[in-house]
């Protein structure tokens, strides 16, 4: 059975004729006990409210911690995805650059081959021209020296 401060204040004791208690002393004591009990009950209520607030704050903090962990994990996943995408993009860029380089080298080799062919053609034409010119000069020389009729 719970006793409230009001129960203590309203408590009545039987007074015996010869060995009784002083009612004023009993009432004063009961008032003191009731006041103390009332103060303790207020303090208990305050502590329960404080405990409930702290428990609520703890639950909030745990939720925030959980959210932070999830955010951190999400950020780590995003970072890993970004790294993987960057690696793939870098590999693609390098592959494209290598392919472009190979095309440039192939074009340069083709142009070199064309230039060599042209040089050979020009050399051949030069030799042919020199031979024709020499033949022409020989012919004019013979005509001038009178060896050959005009």
Protein backbone atom coordinates (compact mmCIF):
# COMPACT_ATOMS: atom_id res chain seq x y z
CA UNK A 1 0.00 0.00 0.00
CA UNK A 2 1.41 3.37 -1.04
CA UNK A 3 1.33 6.18 1.42
CA UNK A 4 0.90 9.71 0.19
CA UNK A 5 1.82 12.90 2.05
CA UNK A 6 -1.91 13.54 2.47
CA UNK A 7 -2.30 10.10 4.13
CA UNK A 8 0.42 11.03 6.60
CA UNK A 9 -1.14 14.41 7.33
CA UNK A 10 -4.58 12.92 7.92
CA UNK A 11 -3.40 9.96 9.97
CA UNK A 12 -5.18 9.83 13.34
CA UNK A 13 -3.90 7.92 16.32
CA UNK A 14 -5.95 6.66 19.23
CA UNK A 15 -5.13 8.30 22.48
CA UNK A 16 -5.01 6.08 25.53
CA UNK A 17 -5.90 7.58 28.82
CA UNK A 18 -2.80 6.89 30.83
CA UNK A 19 0.03 6.41 28.40
CA UNK A 20 -1.06 8.48 25.45
CA UNK A 21 0.93 10.51 23.00
CA UNK A 22 0.98 14.26 22.87
CA UNK A 23 -1.26 15.03 19.91
CA UNK A 24 0.64 18.23 19.07
CA UNK A 25 3.96 16.35 18.90
CA UNK A 26 2.44 13.63 16.74
CA UNK A 27 0.83 16.21 14.43
CA UNK A 28 4.11 18.17 14.17
CA UNK A 29 6.02 14.99 13.39
CA UNK A 30 3.45 13.92 10.81
CA UNK A 31 3.62 17.38 9.19
CA UNK A 32 7.42 17.13 9.01
CA UNK A 33 7.29 13.60 7.55
CA UNK A 34 4.57 14.64 5.07
CA UNK A 35 6.64 17.67 3.98
CA UNK A 36 9.74 15.53 3.52
CA UNK A 37 7.75 12.92 1.65
CA UNK A 38 6.19 15.58 -0.57
CA UNK A 39 9.67 17.00 -1.33
CA UNK A 40 10.97 13.49 -2.12
CA UNK A 41 8.02 12.80 -4.41
CA UNK A 42 8.62 16.10 -6.25
CA UNK A 43 12.32 15.22 -6.58
CA UNK A 44 11.42 11.72 -7.84
CA UNK A 45 9.04 13.28 -10.39
CA UNK A 46 11.73 15.72 -11.47
CA UNK A 47 14.27 12.90 -11.78
CA UNK A 48 11.81 10.80 -13.78
CA UNK A 49 11.21 13.73 -16.14
CA UNK A 50 14.96 14.25 -16.44
CA UNK A 51 15.46 10.55 -17.08
CA UNK A 52 12.75 10.57 -19.76
CA UNK A 53 14.35 13.62 -21.45
CA UNK A 54 17.77 11.97 -21.35
CA UNK A 55 16.35 8.73 -22.66
CA UNK A 56 14.67 10.66 -25.50
CA UNK A 57 17.93 12.51 -26.20
CA UNK A 58 19.80 9.20 -26.19
CA UNK A 59 17.31 7.72 -28.68
CA UNK A 60 17.70 10.85 -30.84
CA UNK A 61 21.50 10.57 -30.64
CA UNK A 62 21.37 6.88 -31.55
CA UNK A 63 19.16 7.73 -34.54
CA UNK A 64 21.54 10.50 -35.60
CA UNK A 65 24.49 8.12 -35.20
CA UNK A 66 22.70 5.53 -37.33
CA UNK A 67 21.94 8.17 -39.97
CA UNK A 68 25.55 9.37 -39.90
CA UNK A 69 26.79 5.81 -40.34
CA UNK A 70 24.43 5.29 -43.26
CA UNK A 71 25.50 8.61 -44.76
CA UNK A 72 29.14 7.68 -44.34
CA UNK A 73 28.57 4.29 -45.95
CA UNK A 74 26.65 5.92 -48.80
CA UNK A 75 29.43 8.47 -49.25
CA UNK A 76 32.01 5.68 -49.31
CA UNK A 77 29.98 3.79 -51.91
CA UNK A 78 29.64 6.93 -54.02
CA UNK A 79 33.38 7.58 -53.72
CA UNK A 80 34.18 4.01 -54.77
CA UNK A 81 31.78 4.30 -57.71
CA UNK A 82 33.35 7.61 -58.70
CA UNK A 83 36.82 6.07 -58.49
CA UNK A 84 35.73 3.11 -60.59
CA UNK A 85 34.10 5.40 -63.14
CA UNK A 86 37.20 7.61 -63.21
CA UNK A 87 39.39 4.53 -63.76
CA UNK A 88 37.13 3.34 -66.58
CA UNK A 89 37.09 6.79 -68.13
CA UNK A 90 40.87 7.06 -67.84
CA UNK A 91 41.28 3.64 -69.44
CA UNK A 92 38.91 4.67 -72.23
CA UNK A 93 40.82 7.92 -72.78
CA UNK A 94 44.13 6.04 -72.85
CA UNK A 95 42.71 3.46 -75.28
CA UNK A 96 41.37 6.20 -77.53
CA UNK A 97 44.70 8.03 -77.36
CA UNK A 98 46.60 4.83 -78.22
CA UNK A 99 44.24 4.17 -81.12
CA UNK A 100 44.61 7.76 -82.33
CA UNK A 101 48.39 7.47 -81.97
CA UNK A 102 48.39 4.26 -83.99
CA UNK A 103 46.30 5.99 -86.69
CA UNK A 104 48.69 8.95 -86.73
CA UNK A 105 51.69 6.62 -87.01
CA UNK A 106 49.96 4.63 -89.79
CA UNK A 107 49.15 7.87 -91.64
CA UNK A 108 52.72 9.09 -91.19
CA UNK A 109 54.10 5.76 -92.47
CA UNK A 110 51.73 5.89 -95.44
CA UNK A 111 52.75 9.47 -96.18
CA UNK A 112 56.41 8.45 -95.84
CA UNK A 113 55.84 5.63 -98.31
CA UNK A 114 54.11 8.06 -100.69
CA UNK A 115 57.00 10.50 -100.34
CA UNK A 116 59.57 7.76 -100.99
CA UNK A 117 57.61 6.70 -104.07
CA UNK A 118 57.51 10.30 -105.30
CA UNK A 119 61.22 10.74 -104.63
CA UNK A 120 61.97 7.59 -106.61
CA UNK A 121 59.70 8.79 -109.41
CA UNK A 122 61.44 12.20 -109.42
CA UNK A 123 64.86 10.47 -109.47
CA UNK A 124 63.73 8.26 -112.34
CA UNK A 125 62.40 11.28 -114.20
CA UNK A 126 65.66 13.13 -113.48
CA UNK A 127 67.73 10.24 -114.89
CA UNK A 128 65.44 9.97 -117.89
CA UNK A 129 65.63 13.75 -118.43
CA UNK A 130 69.41 13.72 -118.08
CA UNK A 131 69.65 10.87 -120.60
CA UNK A 132 67.30 12.63 -123.02
CA UNK A 133 69.09 15.92 -122.56
CA UNK A 134 72.50 14.23 -123.01
CA UNK A 135 71.21 12.53 -126.13
CA UNK A 136 69.94 15.82 -127.42
CA UNK A 137 73.24 17.52 -126.61
CA UNK A 138 75.15 14.70 -128.34
CA UNK A 139 72.91 15.06 -131.36
CA UNK A 140 73.49 18.83 -131.49
CA UNK A 141 77.20 18.29 -130.96
CA UNK A 142 77.38 15.83 -133.87
CA UNK A 143 75.44 18.23 -136.04
CA UNK A 144 77.78 21.02 -135.13
CA UNK A 145 80.83 18.93 -135.78
CA UNK A 146 79.37 17.88 -139.11
CA UNK A 147 79.21 14.18 -138.43
CA UNK A 148 75.54 13.93 -138.88
CA UNK A 149 73.33 15.47 -141.53
CA UNK A 150 70.75 17.95 -140.37
